[in-house]
Structures are given as structure tokens and as C-alpha cells.
Amino acid sequence: MAPANYEKAYLSRTRKSKAHFEMARKLIPAGVESNVRFFPPYPFYVQKAKGAYIYDLDGNRLIDYALGYGPMILGHNHPAVVRAAKEQIERGTMYGASTDLAVDYVKMVQRALPSIEMFRFANSGTEATMHPLRVARAFTGKEKIAKAEGSYHGGHDYALQSVDIPRDKLKHSAHQPAVPYGKGIPRSISDLVVIYPFNDWLATEEVLTKNADDLAAVIIEPIQAGGGCFAPRDGYLKRLRKLTRELGIVLIFDEVLTGFRVAFGGAQERYGVKPDMTSIAKIAGGGYQLAGFGGRKEIMEEIVPKEGGNVYHGGTYNAHPVSMAAGLETLRILSRPGVYRKIDSIGDSLFQGLRDAAEDARVDVWVENIGSLGQLYFTDKEMCTWRDAFDADAEKWRHWFMYSLGKGVFFGVPHADEHFFTSLVHSEEDIQESLDISSEAFRQIAHG
């Protein structure tokens, strides 16, 4: 198939990436280490990164709004974070025993997220959601969990339900059965997952009330990033907190993406809602592999080894010293007064600029953002729910994304149902250059 006009600049600038892709795809499925990194006609490959920029194999400098798909809120290779990691490497990288650094880290997490009374470490967002679901099942003695349609909570079988729903399997939002996402997931798992619609309170209330006797936990992205970016509306989270408390269901906030992103205390700080358990990752490690989960003491103590059995939790690399050192330094920087005012201001300048540029070009878009997290949809409708995004124009989004990439701007996760971010180090010049390139993409889209 001949390349579209908006792809031509990308193709001409990434010949080394193309050659590397042809080699890599013979050794690595799809030529990438995670499916989300693949996009047609081929992905680019990174050589190095610094501040707000990444540099590909061809030497192109890209203004980076993917930021490691979320973790690099301070930008790439922040000097203080690099120094903390190097100092820990000199002391040792792996012990197989606990360190005092873990307690310092947990105290910092509790400072940000007071809902966490006890905490355990993990290594990825997938682990950080998998373990609390197991703990909640043990605590309540119930087997089913509820998740929102379209939400992504990692790569384990319970989470990979109704991440996407084919049109022919789409039912009323209050009666949507769980649909496995991809092959290889046992059908029996779907019977243990209840699906509710984020931001549709009446349907959510109906689903959870009807299934309350069997539900151990409700897990939720407090800002739904599955499908892009959807902020909670009309007190949705506070209503959910009240209902789950009344029904005796453990409420788990998946703050893997929003934790330390939309506020130092994540979405639970921003919206004033206190969950029973919380999952964190991404920013938590400052660019290194670190994740974890925590919550109410009586729930977390299900893990404690005791006679009669307990919930298993382990991991060779849990609380890796280098990751903790880098993560702790990152959180210390983020805890300073005024940091989030600046982070949100930078984010708002980009996202509002995209709204204005699209309006000037007379292109219908909906730009949703909460501070430094957001997404752009090509539609003339407000985006409130995952189903709303079905009608957004994915081909126009691809035009905007690929044209921008060919001109040196990497607008985040390379799929129309994802999101992008700003960092503390994006400059006014970075934002303006990005908006100028987007303006040209919008004008091309307006002219068909």
C-alpha cells in the first residue's frame, strides 16, 4: 500500500529505524518489546534521551510527550535522579534481603497518599493491580471483581477483560458481559469479572448493587486512561466510594498512571476520595522499575505469614535498591512547594493551545486534559465515557500524529485510544514548536 502524504516525512527521516525494524522483527515479535510500541508502517528506535527530548537511530531530535508512557515527569536523565541511582549502584544493586531504604520510600508514599497505611513493593503496573485483587478476595472471602469497560489494569487475566469490546458483542452498559481481550485467556475468568461503565452513575450503581453479594473488589482508574483520557464527572468517584462502603466491597484505585501525575497525591488528592487500596507504578520509580500497592492495615495484613494461611506475595526484584533510590529522589523533587502548579501550567498551555489551533483551522476536536495528562479526539462531541470515543475519527488522529512525528514531535502512546503527557522540563519554545506543527496538520486535515 502506498504511504499517505502525512507519512512521507516520517518515512524519509527514519531509514535507519526502518532497517532496524526489518532485522528486529525476525528476532522479536512485531519488532518491539511491548505491543503498544508498535504502529504502522514501522516504529522508530531510540538511541538516547535528555530532558524533554529523545533521539532516534537516524539522529532526529523528537520533542517527547510519551515520556516513557508516563514515568518521566521530570524529563529524561534528571541530574538528581541519575546521581541517586549511581550512588546506590556503587553501594550495591541487588541483595536478596531488605534495606532501610524501603521504609524511607514508604514514608514518602504515605505522605503523598495518606490512605495507604501499609504498603508492599512490586515491579510493574501489572503486578501492582494483580496483587491487591488477590488480597481483596482473601479479605472478603468473595471471588468476583468489577472493572470498568475500556479500562486497562495491566496484563494479567482478570484485568484483560473488556479492555476492548467488538461491536457485535457490545450490549447495554448495565448488562455488558466480560469479554476477554486477546487470545490465551481462560473463558472461566470472564465469569468472575463484572463490567460497569465509567462515568455512567445509574448504570454503575445498578451493576454493583446487583452483584454485591459476590464482589470482593471494584477496581477503577480514577481518571479513565483506557480509551484515552476521561475525567470523572458529576461526583462519580465520591458516589462510588459511598456505594462500595455501604455494600462492603473493597475499592481499589489504580493510580499506576495518575499517581504523582495529576497531583502529588494522585487522583485521590485531586478529587478528595479515599479508596481502601491503591496501586502505583510509572512515576513511582523515576524511570526505573518500581511499583507497589497498599491500603488499609486490616486488608494488607492478609499478606502477613500466619498459621492457617495467608495471601502469597513475593518477587525477587521487589524494592530493588536502585529503583528505590531513583524513585525516592523523584518523589522528593515532586513534593516541593509549587511543583505541580508549574507542571499543570505547562500541561494546560499545550492542551489549550491544541484546542485553539484546531478551532483556528476549523477542525472539530475534543481535547480532554487533567493537568499534564490528556488526549485529543477528532469529533464534534464531548468525550465523557469510553463508548463516546467510538465515534471519534481515528484516521484524522493518525494524520495528526504521523505528520507531527515526521516533523519532530512525538505525541505520546502511538494509538488513537491512548494519551500523552507533558513534563516539568518542557519549555515554552517546545510547546510553541509543537503547536505550530499541529496547526499545519490541522490545516491539512481541514482540506481533506
Protein backbone atom coordinates (compact mmCIF):
# COMPACT_ATOMS: atom_id res chain seq x y z
CA MET A 1 0.00 0.00 0.00
CA ALA A 2 1.34 3.42 -0.94
CA PRO A 3 2.12 5.68 2.03
CA ALA A 4 -0.24 8.51 2.84
CA ASN A 5 1.06 12.03 2.27
CA TYR A 6 1.20 12.66 6.01
CA GLU A 7 3.55 9.67 6.44
CA LYS A 8 6.14 10.76 3.88
CA ALA A 9 8.23 12.99 6.15
CA TYR A 10 8.39 10.22 8.75
CA LEU A 11 9.48 7.67 6.15
CA SER A 12 12.18 9.92 4.75
CA ARG A 13 13.62 10.73 8.20
CA THR A 14 13.69 7.22 9.67
CA ARG A 15 15.54 4.99 7.22
CA LYS A 16 17.81 3.53 9.91
CA SER A 17 14.80 2.75 12.08
CA LYS A 18 13.17 1.00 9.15
CA ALA A 19 16.26 -1.12 8.55
CA HIS A 20 16.49 -1.96 12.24
CA PHE A 21 12.80 -2.89 12.27
CA GLU A 22 13.32 -5.36 9.43
CA MET A 23 16.05 -7.05 11.46
CA ALA A 24 14.29 -6.84 14.82
CA ARG A 25 11.02 -8.35 13.59
CA LYS A 26 12.90 -11.57 12.77
CA LEU A 27 14.01 -11.91 16.39
CA ILE A 28 11.31 -10.14 18.40
CA PRO A 29 7.56 -10.49 17.68
CA ALA A 30 6.47 -7.35 15.76
CA GLY A 31 10.00 -5.99 16.28
CA VAL A 32 9.08 -4.43 19.64
CA GLU A 33 9.29 -5.44 23.29
CA SER A 34 5.72 -4.41 24.13
CA ASN A 35 2.78 -4.48 21.74
CA VAL A 36 1.83 -0.88 22.48
CA ARG A 37 5.13 0.30 20.95
CA PHE A 38 4.24 -0.96 17.50
CA PHE A 39 2.50 1.21 14.94
CA PRO A 40 2.43 1.09 11.13
CA PRO A 41 4.29 1.46 8.89
CA TYR A 42 7.02 0.70 11.47
CA PRO A 43 8.13 2.10 14.84
CA PHE A 44 11.18 4.26 15.32
CA TYR A 45 14.02 3.19 17.64
CA VAL A 46 15.61 5.38 20.30
CA GLN A 47 19.32 5.98 20.74
CA LYS A 48 19.32 8.34 23.74
CA ALA A 49 17.21 10.84 25.67
CA LYS A 50 17.74 14.04 27.62
CA GLY A 51 15.30 16.47 29.21
CA ALA A 52 12.22 16.89 27.01
CA TYR A 53 13.80 15.12 24.01
CA ILE A 54 14.52 11.68 22.65
CA TYR A 55 16.86 10.98 19.74
CA ASP A 56 16.29 8.14 17.28
CA LEU A 57 18.75 5.98 15.33
CA ASP A 58 18.74 8.48 12.48
CA GLY A 59 19.76 11.29 14.83
CA ASN A 60 16.37 13.02 14.77
CA ARG A 61 15.52 15.03 17.86
CA LEU A 62 11.91 14.48 18.93
CA ILE A 63 10.01 16.60 21.44
CA ASP A 64 8.75 13.82 23.66
CA TYR A 65 5.21 13.75 25.03
CA ALA A 66 5.25 9.98 25.58
CA LEU A 67 7.77 10.32 28.42
CA GLY A 68 8.30 6.60 28.76
CA TYR A 69 4.49 6.26 28.57
CA GLY A 70 4.20 8.25 31.77
CA PRO A 71 7.13 7.83 34.19
CA MET A 72 9.40 10.69 33.11
CA ILE A 73 7.52 13.60 34.66
CA LEU A 74 10.86 15.29 35.47
CA GLY A 75 12.13 14.70 31.95
CA HIS A 76 14.77 12.24 30.83
CA ASN A 77 18.00 11.82 32.83
CA HIS A 78 17.20 14.33 35.54
CA PRO A 79 20.61 15.03 37.15
CA ALA A 80 19.48 14.45 40.75
CA VAL A 81 17.73 11.19 39.89
CA VAL A 82 20.74 9.94 37.91
CA ARG A 83 23.03 10.84 40.81
CA ALA A 84 20.84 8.96 43.32
CA ALA A 85 20.83 5.86 41.11
CA LYS A 86 24.61 5.98 40.59
CA GLU A 87 25.28 6.35 44.30
CA GLN A 88 23.13 3.31 45.04
CA ILE A 89 24.82 1.27 42.29
CA GLU A 90 28.14 1.92 43.99
CA ARG A 91 26.72 0.55 47.25
CA GLY A 92 25.19 -2.49 45.52
CA THR A 93 22.46 -3.31 43.05
CA MET A 94 20.85 -6.46 44.43
CA TYR A 95 20.94 -8.01 47.89
CA GLY A 96 18.21 -10.63 48.25
CA ALA A 97 17.49 -9.04 51.62
CA SER A 98 15.60 -5.97 52.77
CA THR A 99 17.10 -2.50 53.12
CA ASP A 100 16.32 0.51 55.28
CA LEU A 101 15.65 2.46 52.08
CA ALA A 102 12.28 0.73 51.75
CA VAL A 103 10.96 2.33 54.94
CA ASP A 104 12.06 5.79 53.77
CA TYR A 105 10.28 5.21 50.49
CA VAL A 106 7.04 4.02 52.10
CA LYS A 107 7.01 7.05 54.40
CA MET A 108 7.21 9.29 51.34
CA VAL A 109 4.38 7.36 49.68
CA GLN A 110 2.26 7.79 52.80
CA ARG A 111 2.99 11.50 52.79
CA ALA A 112 1.53 11.68 49.28
CA LEU A 113 -1.22 9.09 49.77
CA PRO A 114 -2.46 9.03 53.40
CA SER A 115 -4.99 6.31 52.51
CA ILE A 116 -2.05 3.86 52.44
CA GLU A 117 -1.48 2.55 55.96
CA MET A 118 0.68 -0.38 54.84
CA PHE A 119 2.49 -0.93 51.54
CA ARG A 120 4.17 -3.70 49.57
CA PHE A 121 6.52 -3.34 46.59
CA ALA A 122 6.20 -4.82 43.10
CA ASN A 123 7.92 -4.28 39.75
CA SER A 124 5.25 -3.26 37.25
CA GLY A 125 1.78 -1.84 36.96
CA THR A 126 0.51 -5.31 36.12
CA GLU A 127 1.80 -6.69 39.42
CA ALA A 128 0.55 -3.62 41.28
CA THR A 129 -3.05 -4.38 40.28
CA MET A 130 -2.86 -8.18 40.29
CA HIS A 131 -1.82 -8.48 43.93
CA PRO A 132 -4.44 -6.18 45.54
CA LEU A 133 -7.22 -8.02 43.72
CA ARG A 134 -5.98 -11.25 45.28
CA VAL A 135 -5.71 -9.61 48.70
CA ALA A 136 -9.25 -8.23 48.39
CA ARG A 137 -10.60 -11.68 47.51
CA ALA A 138 -8.93 -13.12 50.61
CA PHE A 139 -10.13 -10.27 52.85
CA THR A 140 -13.77 -10.52 51.77
CA GLY A 141 -13.99 -14.24 51.04
CA LYS A 142 -15.58 -13.42 47.69
CA GLU A 143 -14.29 -14.28 44.20
CA LYS A 144 -15.65 -11.75 41.71
CA ILE A 145 -14.17 -8.37 40.89
CA ALA A 146 -15.65 -5.44 38.96
CA LYS A 147 -13.82 -3.29 36.43
CA ALA A 148 -14.90 -0.57 34.01
CA GLU A 149 -15.35 -1.34 30.35
CA GLY A 150 -12.44 0.02 28.34
CA SER A 151 -10.14 0.29 31.35
CA TYR A 152 -6.65 -1.19 31.28
CA HIS A 153 -5.23 -2.53 34.53
CA GLY A 154 -2.24 -4.49 33.25
CA GLY A 155 -1.56 -7.78 31.54
CA HIS A 156 -3.00 -10.39 33.91
CA ASP A 157 -6.09 -12.43 33.08
CA TYR A 158 -8.53 -10.72 35.46
CA ALA A 159 -7.54 -7.31 34.09
CA LEU A 160 -7.67 -8.30 30.42
CA GLN A 161 -11.45 -8.29 30.32
CA SER A 162 -13.44 -5.83 28.20
CA VAL A 163 -10.40 -3.68 27.55
CA ASP A 164 -11.96 -3.58 24.12
CA ILE A 165 -15.37 -4.92 23.13
CA PRO A 166 -16.10 -5.83 19.49
CA ARG A 167 -19.20 -4.13 18.14
CA ASP A 168 -21.02 -7.43 17.75
CA LYS A 169 -20.51 -8.16 21.47
CA LEU A 170 -21.49 -4.72 22.70
CA LYS A 171 -24.53 -4.78 24.98
CA HIS A 172 -26.35 -2.23 27.12
CA SER A 173 -23.87 -0.63 29.50
CA ALA A 174 -25.68 -2.02 32.56
CA HIS A 175 -25.72 -5.55 31.14
CA GLN A 176 -22.33 -5.90 29.45
CA PRO A 177 -20.73 -9.32 29.96
CA ALA A 178 -16.96 -9.55 30.30
CA VAL A 179 -15.16 -10.12 27.01
CA PRO A 180 -11.55 -11.44 27.03
CA TYR A 181 -9.03 -9.09 25.43
CA GLY A 182 -6.92 -11.18 23.10
CA LYS A 183 -6.27 -14.90 22.92
CA GLY A 184 -5.00 -17.28 25.58
CA ILE A 185 -7.24 -16.13 28.46
CA PRO A 186 -9.32 -18.91 30.09
CA ARG A 187 -13.04 -18.42 29.50
CA SER A 188 -13.71 -19.22 33.13
CA ILE A 189 -12.01 -15.95 34.18
CA SER A 190 -14.70 -13.92 32.41
CA ASP A 191 -17.30 -15.46 34.71
CA LEU A 192 -15.51 -13.87 37.67
CA VAL A 193 -15.38 -10.33 36.26
CA VAL A 194 -18.29 -7.89 36.34
CA ILE A 195 -18.26 -4.95 33.92
CA TYR A 196 -19.56 -1.46 34.70
CA PRO A 197 -19.43 1.82 32.68
CA PHE A 198 -17.15 4.60 33.96
CA ASN A 199 -18.93 7.96 34.36
CA ASP A 200 -22.43 6.46 33.90
CA TRP A 201 -23.53 6.50 37.51
CA LEU A 202 -27.01 5.00 37.21
CA ALA A 203 -25.71 2.01 35.25
CA THR A 204 -22.73 1.62 37.59
CA GLU A 205 -24.97 1.64 40.64
CA GLU A 206 -27.25 -0.96 39.07
CA VAL A 207 -24.38 -3.30 38.17
CA LEU A 208 -22.61 -3.12 41.53
CA THR A 209 -25.77 -3.39 43.62
CA LYS A 210 -26.99 -6.40 41.66
CA ASN A 211 -23.65 -8.22 42.08
CA ALA A 212 -22.73 -7.01 45.57
CA ASP A 213 -23.04 -10.40 47.29
CA ASP A 214 -20.31 -11.84 45.04
CA LEU A 215 -17.98 -8.85 44.64
CA ALA A 216 -14.68 -8.72 46.50
CA ALA A 217 -13.47 -5.51 44.88
CA VAL A 218 -14.17 -2.72 42.46
CA ILE A 219 -11.01 -1.60 40.68
CA ILE A 220 -11.06 1.71 38.86
CA GLU A 221 -8.79 4.15 37.08
CA PRO A 222 -9.99 7.29 38.89
CA ILE A 223 -9.28 9.13 35.65
CA GLN A 224 -10.01 6.57 32.96
CA ALA A 225 -6.96 6.37 30.71
CA GLY A 226 -8.11 3.24 28.91
CA GLY A 227 -9.60 4.74 25.76
CA GLY A 228 -7.57 7.93 26.12
CA CYS A 229 -8.46 10.29 28.94
CA PHE A 230 -11.83 10.69 30.66
CA ALA A 231 -12.13 12.81 33.79
CA PRO A 232 -14.76 11.75 36.35
CA ARG A 233 -17.94 13.79 36.10
CA ASP A 234 -20.72 14.77 38.49
CA GLY A 235 -19.18 13.38 41.67
CA TYR A 236 -18.79 9.91 40.15
CA LEU A 237 -15.88 8.89 42.38
CA LYS A 238 -17.49 10.12 45.60
CA ARG A 239 -20.68 8.26 44.74
CA LEU A 240 -18.67 5.14 44.05
CA ARG A 241 -16.84 5.47 47.37
CA LYS A 242 -20.14 5.79 49.26
CA LEU A 243 -21.76 2.84 47.48
CA THR A 244 -18.84 0.43 47.85
CA ARG A 245 -18.59 1.27 51.54
CA GLU A 246 -22.31 0.58 52.01
CA LEU A 247 -22.07 -2.71 50.09
CA GLY A 248 -18.90 -3.92 51.82
CA ILE A 249 -16.85 -4.01 48.61
CA VAL A 250 -13.14 -3.14 48.62
CA LEU A 251 -12.49 -0.07 46.47
CA ILE A 252 -9.14 -0.14 44.64
CA PHE A 253 -7.81 2.94 42.88
CA ASP A 254 -5.47 2.03 40.04
CA GLU A 255 -3.21 5.07 40.20
CA VAL A 256 -0.47 3.49 38.11
CA LEU A 257 -0.87 6.32 35.60
CA THR A 258 -2.37 9.10 37.75
CA GLY A 259 -0.30 8.62 40.90
CA PHE A 260 2.15 11.54 41.29
CA ARG A 261 0.94 12.75 37.87
CA VAL A 262 -2.27 14.77 38.38
CA ALA A 263 -1.21 15.76 41.91
CA PHE A 264 1.44 14.63 44.36
CA GLY A 265 -1.31 12.57 45.99
CA GLY A 266 -2.71 11.42 42.65
CA ALA A 267 -6.35 11.48 41.67
CA GLN A 268 -7.46 10.69 45.22
CA GLU A 269 -5.98 14.02 46.32
CA ARG A 270 -7.31 15.90 43.31
CA TYR A 271 -10.88 14.62 43.77
CA GLY A 272 -10.93 14.18 47.55
CA VAL A 273 -11.77 10.46 47.61
CA LYS A 274 -10.09 7.90 49.85
CA PRO A 275 -10.01 4.32 48.48
CA ASP A 276 -9.41 1.15 50.50
CA MET A 277 -6.39 0.18 48.39
CA THR A 278 -4.16 1.91 45.84
CA SER A 279 -1.87 0.69 43.06
CA ILE A 280 1.11 2.78 41.94
CA ALA A 281 3.89 2.42 39.34
CA LYS A 282 5.31 4.54 36.45
CA ILE A 283 6.38 7.82 38.12
CA ALA A 284 6.92 5.91 41.38
CA GLY A 285 10.31 4.67 40.13
CA GLY A 286 11.50 7.83 38.43
CA GLY A 287 12.22 5.91 35.23
CA TYR A 288 13.26 2.67 36.94
CA GLN A 289 11.21 -0.47 37.52
CA LEU A 290 9.26 0.13 40.69
CA ALA A 291 5.64 -0.39 41.60
CA GLY A 292 3.57 -1.27 44.61
CA PHE A 293 0.22 -1.38 46.33
CA GLY A 294 -1.10 -0.53 49.72
CA GLY A 295 -4.12 0.42 51.75
CA ARG A 296 -5.94 -0.18 54.98
CA LYS A 297 -3.93 -2.07 57.59
CA GLU A 298 -6.53 -4.78 58.20
CA ILE A 299 -6.67 -5.57 54.47
CA MET A 300 -2.91 -5.53 53.88
CA GLU A 301 -2.31 -7.82 56.85
CA GLU A 302 -3.82 -10.64 54.80
CA ILE A 303 -0.27 -10.92 53.39
CA VAL A 304 1.41 -11.46 56.76
CA PRO A 305 2.56 -15.12 57.12
CA LYS A 306 0.46 -16.80 59.78
CA GLU A 307 -0.93 -20.14 60.85
CA GLY A 308 -3.93 -21.09 58.80
CA GLY A 309 -2.63 -19.47 55.63
CA ASN A 310 -2.15 -16.07 54.10
CA VAL A 311 -2.09 -14.32 50.72
CA TYR A 312 1.13 -15.01 48.87
CA HIS A 313 3.13 -12.03 47.73
CA GLY A 314 6.75 -12.14 46.62
CA GLY A 315 9.20 -11.09 43.94
CA THR A 316 12.95 -11.32 43.52
CA TYR A 317 13.25 -7.71 42.40
CA ASN A 318 10.70 -6.18 44.78
CA ALA A 319 12.04 -2.95 46.30
CA HIS A 320 15.10 -3.03 44.07
CA PRO A 321 17.60 -0.67 45.73
CA VAL A 322 18.48 1.29 42.59
CA SER A 323 14.83 1.78 41.70
CA MET A 324 14.00 2.89 45.22
CA ALA A 325 16.85 5.39 45.27
CA ALA A 326 15.76 6.90 41.94
CA GLY A 327 12.08 6.80 42.87
CA LEU A 328 12.65 8.36 46.28
CA GLU A 329 14.63 11.24 44.77
CA THR A 330 11.88 11.75 42.18
CA LEU A 331 9.20 11.94 44.88
CA ARG A 332 11.31 14.33 46.95
CA ILE A 333 11.53 16.71 43.99
CA LEU A 334 7.81 16.41 43.29
CA SER A 335 6.97 17.11 46.94
CA ARG A 336 8.47 20.61 46.81
CA PRO A 337 6.03 23.55 47.04
CA GLY A 338 4.79 24.89 43.73
CA VAL A 339 5.97 21.98 41.56
CA TYR A 340 2.50 20.89 40.50
CA ARG A 341 1.39 24.43 39.74
CA LYS A 342 4.20 24.54 37.20
CA ILE A 343 3.53 21.02 35.88
CA ASP A 344 -0.18 21.78 35.41
CA SER A 345 0.56 25.15 33.83
CA ILE A 346 2.82 23.55 31.22
CA GLY A 347 0.21 20.89 30.51
CA ASP A 348 -2.62 23.40 30.22
CA SER A 349 -0.58 25.53 27.81
CA LEU A 350 -0.14 22.59 25.43
CA PHE A 351 -3.66 21.21 25.62
CA GLN A 352 -5.37 24.61 25.44
CA GLY A 353 -3.07 25.50 22.56
CA LEU A 354 -4.22 22.40 20.70
CA ARG A 355 -7.85 23.42 21.23
CA ASP A 356 -7.17 26.89 19.89
CA ALA A 357 -5.14 25.63 16.92
CA ALA A 358 -7.86 23.20 15.88
CA GLU A 359 -10.50 25.90 16.23
CA ASP A 360 -8.45 28.27 14.08
CA ALA A 361 -8.21 25.56 11.41
CA ARG A 362 -11.94 24.84 11.74
CA VAL A 363 -11.37 21.23 12.67
CA ASP A 364 -13.67 19.63 15.23
CA VAL A 365 -11.71 18.22 18.17
CA TRP A 366 -12.35 17.43 21.79
CA VAL A 367 -9.24 17.85 23.94
CA GLU A 368 -9.52 16.31 27.40
CA ASN A 369 -6.83 17.02 29.95
CA ILE A 370 -6.24 16.99 33.68
CA GLY A 371 -3.08 18.99 34.15
CA SER A 372 -0.24 17.20 32.37
CA LEU A 373 -2.31 14.18 31.20
CA GLY A 374 -4.62 14.32 28.20
CA GLN A 375 -5.75 13.19 24.78
CA LEU A 376 -7.09 14.70 21.57
CA TYR A 377 -10.18 13.28 19.80
CA PHE A 378 -11.34 14.26 16.33
CA THR A 379 -15.05 14.71 16.99
CA ASP A 380 -17.67 17.41 17.47
CA LYS A 381 -18.97 15.72 20.65
CA GLU A 382 -17.94 15.90 24.29
CA MET A 383 -15.96 12.84 25.40
CA CYS A 384 -17.26 11.61 28.77
CA THR A 385 -17.24 7.82 28.50
CA TRP A 386 -15.30 5.09 26.77
CA ARG A 387 -18.22 4.48 24.40
CA ASP A 388 -18.27 8.14 23.37
CA ALA A 389 -14.87 7.67 21.77
CA PHE A 390 -16.25 5.09 19.31
CA ASP A 391 -17.37 7.92 17.05
CA ALA A 392 -14.06 9.81 17.06
CA ASP A 393 -12.20 9.81 13.74
CA ALA A 394 -9.14 7.58 14.18
CA GLU A 395 -7.83 8.27 10.67
CA LYS A 396 -7.70 12.02 11.31
CA TRP A 397 -5.93 11.32 14.59
CA ARG A 398 -3.39 9.19 12.73
CA HIS A 399 -2.83 12.00 10.22
CA TRP A 400 -2.14 14.47 13.06
CA PHE A 401 0.08 12.01 14.95
CA MET A 402 2.18 10.82 11.99
CA TYR A 403 2.54 14.29 10.47
CA SER A 404 3.74 15.60 13.85
CA LEU A 405 6.12 12.68 14.28
CA GLY A 406 7.59 13.33 10.85
CA LYS A 407 8.23 16.93 11.88
CA GLY A 408 9.84 16.04 15.20
CA VAL A 409 7.03 15.82 17.78
CA PHE A 410 6.17 12.51 19.45
CA PHE A 411 2.63 12.90 20.75
CA GLY A 412 2.58 10.02 23.20
CA VAL A 413 1.37 6.46 23.00
CA PRO A 414 1.03 5.81 19.25
CA HIS A 415 -2.64 4.81 19.18
CA ALA A 416 -5.82 6.88 18.96
CA ASP A 417 -7.27 5.38 22.14
CA GLU A 418 -4.30 6.31 24.33
CA HIS A 419 -2.90 9.57 25.79
CA PHE A 420 0.11 11.86 26.07
CA PHE A 421 1.84 13.90 28.76
CA THR A 422 3.87 16.98 29.49
CA SER A 423 6.79 17.15 31.91
CA LEU A 424 8.35 19.66 34.26
CA VAL A 425 11.06 20.45 31.69
CA HIS A 426 9.05 21.18 28.54
CA SER A 427 9.84 24.79 27.67
CA GLU A 428 7.64 27.48 26.16
CA GLU A 429 9.63 27.02 22.95
CA ASP A 430 8.92 23.27 22.96
CA ILE A 431 5.22 23.92 23.39
CA GLN A 432 5.12 26.56 20.66
CA GLU A 433 7.04 24.41 18.18
CA SER A 434 4.65 21.54 18.87
CA LEU A 435 1.61 23.77 18.38
CA ASP A 436 2.97 25.22 15.14
CA ILE A 437 3.40 21.70 13.74
CA SER A 438 -0.06 20.67 14.94
CA SER A 439 -1.56 23.77 13.34
CA GLU A 440 -0.20 22.69 9.96
CA ALA A 441 -1.54 19.15 10.49
CA PHE A 442 -4.96 20.56 11.36
CA ARG A 443 -4.96 22.73 8.23
CA GLN A 444 -4.16 19.70 6.08
CA ILE A 445 -6.97 17.75 7.75
CA ALA A 446 -9.37 20.64 7.19
CA HIS A 447 -8.57 20.49 3.46
CA GLY A 448 -9.17 16.76 3.29
